[in-house]
Amino acid sequence: MADKEVIVKGTVMHVCKQGGARCFLMGSNEEMNIRVEAGEKIGAFSQEQMGSDLEIAGILKVVRTEA
């Protein structure tokens, strides 16, 4: 599904403290997180959204990191 438009749901586990340009969503397990970058439509995420459930539509990009 990489590079396709998707809709994801998850719980906000982190919001960037420098302007809220991105947040991280946790899905059904803690091993896979989704980084969401705010675009023109969103503007910024707020710290008050921590712990909230969000539904986000956007283009999925795969980024693999080593533990």
Protein backbone atom coordinates (compact mmCIF):
# COMPACT_ATOMS: atom_id res chain seq x y z
CA MET A 1 0.00 0.00 0.00
CA ALA A 2 3.06 2.25 -0.09
CA ASP A 3 2.62 5.49 -2.02
CA LYS A 4 -1.18 5.10 -2.05
CA GLU A 5 -3.81 7.12 -0.25
CA VAL A 6 -4.95 5.38 2.94
CA ILE A 7 -7.06 6.10 5.99
CA VAL A 8 -5.51 5.09 9.31
CA LYS A 9 -6.86 5.14 12.85
CA GLY A 10 -4.77 5.21 15.98
CA THR A 11 -4.11 6.74 19.36
CA VAL A 12 -1.85 9.80 19.54
CA MET A 13 1.18 8.78 21.60
CA HIS A 14 3.41 11.79 20.86
CA VAL A 15 3.02 15.31 19.47
CA CYS A 16 6.10 17.25 18.34
CA LYS A 17 6.69 20.02 20.89
CA GLN A 18 8.22 22.39 18.35
CA GLY A 19 5.17 23.66 16.50
CA GLY A 20 3.17 20.42 16.35
CA ALA A 21 4.35 19.66 12.81
CA ARG A 22 4.01 15.91 13.39
CA CYS A 23 2.51 13.35 15.68
CA PHE A 24 2.89 9.62 16.16
CA LEU A 25 -0.04 7.21 16.20
CA MET A 26 -0.04 3.81 17.85
CA GLY A 27 -2.30 1.18 16.36
CA SER A 28 -3.23 -2.23 17.71
CA ASN A 29 0.30 -2.87 19.03
CA GLU A 30 3.30 -0.82 20.16
CA GLU A 31 5.71 -2.35 17.65
CA MET A 32 4.45 -0.36 14.68
CA ASN A 33 3.95 3.39 14.84
CA ILE A 34 2.73 5.78 12.20
CA ARG A 35 4.31 9.21 11.92
CA VAL A 36 1.83 11.78 10.66
CA GLU A 37 3.13 15.03 9.25
CA ALA A 38 0.74 17.96 9.28
CA GLY A 39 0.10 19.43 5.87
CA GLU A 40 -1.81 22.50 4.75
CA LYS A 41 -5.18 21.03 5.73
CA ILE A 42 -4.14 20.10 9.27
CA GLY A 43 -1.75 22.96 10.01
CA ALA A 44 -0.47 21.60 13.34
CA PHE A 45 -1.25 19.09 16.04
CA SER A 46 -1.77 20.24 19.63
CA GLN A 47 -0.50 18.74 22.87
CA GLU A 48 -4.14 18.39 23.95
CA GLN A 49 -4.52 15.64 21.34
CA MET A 50 -2.21 13.30 23.30
CA GLY A 51 -4.13 10.10 24.09
CA SER A 52 -6.89 10.94 21.60
CA ASP A 53 -7.99 8.60 18.83
CA LEU A 54 -7.57 10.11 15.35
CA GLU A 55 -8.54 9.05 11.86
CA ILE A 56 -6.12 10.41 9.25
CA ALA A 57 -6.25 10.25 5.44
CA GLY A 58 -3.02 10.65 3.50
CA ILE A 59 -0.31 9.07 1.36
CA LEU A 60 1.46 6.15 3.06
CA LYS A 61 5.27 6.24 2.98
CA VAL A 62 7.24 3.33 4.44
CA VAL A 63 10.19 4.19 6.69
CA ARG A 64 12.06 1.33 8.28
CA THR A 65 14.30 1.88 11.26
CA GLU A 66 16.59 -0.48 13.09
CA ALA A 67 16.13 -0.90 16.82
